[in-house]
Amino acid sequence: MWSNGICDASAREWIVTWHITNRSEEATAITDVEALPEKSTIVWVPDVVAGGATAYAYQRVPADDGGVIVFNAKWADGTTVANRWYFDPVATCA
């Protein structure tokens, strides 16, 4: 998983795109999604990522902060993988 951010200077926010890749051949459900910091918002997260596919989640993060997305990936066989990923801006959003 990786992310990239685009500065929305008029809103003073980063728009973060999270790239969620399922390396399994089987589809996985995305559950228990949290966005951090609390003042950030998740715009969209897929419910399911097909086997071998990449899906995208979007988060709006205040310009003076980084972002975190936390979620579980659950497969039909009962396997669950906890995920916690970070967006740390390398530039100023103003």
C-alpha atoms as a PDB file:
ATOM      1  CA  MET A   1       0.000   0.000   0.000  1.00  0.00           C
ATOM      2  CA  TRP A   2       1.173   3.500  -0.693  1.00  0.00           C
ATOM      3  CA  SER A   3      -0.225   7.014  -0.814  1.00  0.00           C
ATOM      4  CA  ASN A   4       0.176  10.336  -2.524  1.00  0.00           C
ATOM      5  CA  GLY A   5      -1.238  13.730  -1.668  1.00  0.00           C
ATOM      6  CA  ILE A   6      -2.366  16.770  -3.622  1.00  0.00           C
ATOM      7  CA  CYS A   7      -2.623  20.137  -1.897  1.00  0.00           C
ATOM      8  CA  ASP A   8      -6.027  21.846  -2.024  1.00  0.00           C
ATOM      9  CA  ALA A   9      -4.732  25.281  -1.018  1.00  0.00           C
ATOM     10  CA  SER A  10      -8.177  26.926  -1.019  1.00  0.00           C
ATOM     11  CA  ALA A  11      -9.451  24.374   1.555  1.00  0.00           C
ATOM     12  CA  ARG A  12      -6.052  24.177   3.339  1.00  0.00           C
ATOM     13  CA  GLU A  13      -6.176  20.392   3.079  1.00  0.00           C
ATOM     14  CA  TRP A  14      -4.255  17.530   1.568  1.00  0.00           C
ATOM     15  CA  ILE A  15      -6.309  15.185  -0.602  1.00  0.00           C
ATOM     16  CA  VAL A  16      -4.639  11.838   0.012  1.00  0.00           C
ATOM     17  CA  THR A  17      -5.083   8.893  -2.340  1.00  0.00           C
ATOM     18  CA  TRP A  18      -4.415   5.523  -0.708  1.00  0.00           C
ATOM     19  CA  HIS A  19      -3.522   2.693  -3.103  1.00  0.00           C
ATOM     20  CA  ILE A  20      -4.751  -0.595  -1.595  1.00  0.00           C
ATOM     21  CA  THR A  21      -3.339  -3.610  -3.429  1.00  0.00           C
ATOM     22  CA  ASN A  22      -4.592  -7.134  -2.744  1.00  0.00           C
ATOM     23  CA  ARG A  23      -1.725  -9.491  -3.528  1.00  0.00           C
ATOM     24  CA  SER A  24      -3.920 -12.545  -2.928  1.00  0.00           C
ATOM     25  CA  GLU A  25      -5.848 -14.324  -5.676  1.00  0.00           C
ATOM     26  CA  GLU A  26      -9.006 -14.119  -3.532  1.00  0.00           C
ATOM     27  CA  ALA A  27     -11.108 -11.005  -2.908  1.00  0.00           C
ATOM     28  CA  THR A  28     -10.784  -9.334   0.494  1.00  0.00           C
ATOM     29  CA  ALA A  29     -13.275  -7.262   2.467  1.00  0.00           C
ATOM     30  CA  ILE A  30     -12.121  -3.925   3.894  1.00  0.00           C
ATOM     31  CA  THR A  31     -13.548  -3.424   7.398  1.00  0.00           C
ATOM     32  CA  ASP A  32     -13.109  -1.403  10.589  1.00  0.00           C
ATOM     33  CA  VAL A  33     -11.855   1.685   8.767  1.00  0.00           C
ATOM     34  CA  GLU A  34     -10.556   4.634  10.796  1.00  0.00           C
ATOM     35  CA  ALA A  35      -9.020   7.911   9.693  1.00  0.00           C
ATOM     36  CA  LEU A  36      -6.550   9.872  11.766  1.00  0.00           C
ATOM     37  CA  PRO A  37      -6.150  12.565  12.872  1.00  0.00           C
ATOM     38  CA  GLU A  38      -9.738  12.857  14.085  1.00  0.00           C
ATOM     39  CA  LYS A  39     -10.171  16.135  12.192  1.00  0.00           C
ATOM     40  CA  SER A  40      -9.505  14.334   8.896  1.00  0.00           C
ATOM     41  CA  THR A  41     -12.227  12.666   6.846  1.00  0.00           C
ATOM     42  CA  ILE A  42     -12.339   9.556   4.715  1.00  0.00           C
ATOM     43  CA  VAL A  43     -14.087  10.425   1.478  1.00  0.00           C
ATOM     44  CA  TRP A  44     -14.358   6.879   0.164  1.00  0.00           C
ATOM     45  CA  VAL A  45     -13.008   3.390   0.917  1.00  0.00           C
ATOM     46  CA  PRO A  46     -13.875   0.280  -1.114  1.00  0.00           C
ATOM     47  CA  ASP A  47     -15.864  -2.487   0.622  1.00  0.00           C
ATOM     48  CA  VAL A  48     -14.041  -5.218  -1.320  1.00  0.00           C
ATOM     49  CA  VAL A  49     -10.767  -5.428  -3.241  1.00  0.00           C
ATOM     50  CA  ALA A  50     -10.723  -8.152  -5.898  1.00  0.00           C
ATOM     51  CA  GLY A  51      -7.877 -10.654  -5.966  1.00  0.00           C
ATOM     52  CA  GLY A  52      -4.796  -9.200  -7.649  1.00  0.00           C
ATOM     53  CA  ALA A  53      -6.425  -5.768  -7.929  1.00  0.00           C
ATOM     54  CA  THR A  54      -5.672  -2.295  -6.611  1.00  0.00           C
ATOM     55  CA  ALA A  55      -8.466  -0.129  -5.209  1.00  0.00           C
ATOM     56  CA  TYR A  56      -8.290   3.428  -3.954  1.00  0.00           C
ATOM     57  CA  ALA A  57      -9.402   5.220  -0.788  1.00  0.00           C
ATOM     58  CA  TYR A  58      -9.467   8.995  -0.413  1.00  0.00           C
ATOM     59  CA  GLN A  59      -8.870  11.083   2.686  1.00  0.00           C
ATOM     60  CA  ARG A  60      -8.888  14.842   3.336  1.00  0.00           C
ATOM     61  CA  VAL A  61      -6.247  15.877   5.874  1.00  0.00           C
ATOM     62  CA  PRO A  62      -5.652  19.344   7.361  1.00  0.00           C
ATOM     63  CA  ALA A  63      -2.754  21.123   5.600  1.00  0.00           C
ATOM     64  CA  ASP A  64      -0.652  21.257   8.763  1.00  0.00           C
ATOM     65  CA  ASP A  65      -0.927  17.546   9.527  1.00  0.00           C
ATOM     66  CA  GLY A  66      -0.202  14.079   8.169  1.00  0.00           C
ATOM     67  CA  GLY A  67      -2.765  11.338   7.754  1.00  0.00           C
ATOM     68  CA  VAL A  68      -3.253   7.766   8.852  1.00  0.00           C
ATOM     69  CA  ILE A  69      -5.643   5.109   7.588  1.00  0.00           C
ATOM     70  CA  VAL A  70      -6.361   2.035   9.703  1.00  0.00           C
ATOM     71  CA  PHE A  71      -8.386  -0.952   8.467  1.00  0.00           C
ATOM     72  CA  ASN A  72      -8.663  -4.725   8.472  1.00  0.00           C
ATOM     73  CA  ALA A  73      -8.497  -6.856   5.350  1.00  0.00           C
ATOM     74  CA  LYS A  74     -10.606 -10.013   5.781  1.00  0.00           C
ATOM     75  CA  TRP A  75     -10.635 -13.015   3.442  1.00  0.00           C
ATOM     76  CA  ALA A  76     -13.342 -15.682   3.130  1.00  0.00           C
ATOM     77  CA  ASP A  77     -11.094 -18.314   4.783  1.00  0.00           C
ATOM     78  CA  GLY A  78     -11.075 -16.248   8.002  1.00  0.00           C
ATOM     79  CA  THR A  79      -7.639 -14.684   7.559  1.00  0.00           C
ATOM     80  CA  THR A  80      -7.555 -11.097   8.806  1.00  0.00           C
ATOM     81  CA  VAL A  81      -4.673  -8.663   8.377  1.00  0.00           C
ATOM     82  CA  ALA A  82      -4.603  -5.394  10.342  1.00  0.00           C
ATOM     83  CA  ASN A  83      -3.266  -2.404   8.389  1.00  0.00           C
ATOM     84  CA  ARG A  84      -2.047   1.008   9.555  1.00  0.00           C
ATOM     85  CA  TRP A  85      -0.531   3.288   6.929  1.00  0.00           C
ATOM     86  CA  TYR A  86       0.835   6.832   7.106  1.00  0.00           C
ATOM     87  CA  PHE A  87       0.862   9.888   4.849  1.00  0.00           C
ATOM     88  CA  ASP A  88       3.662  12.293   5.791  1.00  0.00           C
ATOM     89  CA  PRO A  89       3.736  15.368   3.557  1.00  0.00           C
ATOM     90  CA  VAL A  90       7.170  16.313   2.220  1.00  0.00           C
ATOM     91  CA  ALA A  91       6.081  19.854   1.339  1.00  0.00           C
ATOM     92  CA  THR A  92       3.932  22.637   2.740  1.00  0.00           C
ATOM     93  CA  CYS A  93       0.289  22.897   1.682  1.00  0.00           C
ATOM     94  CA  ALA A  94      -0.653  26.568   1.629  1.00  0.00           C
END
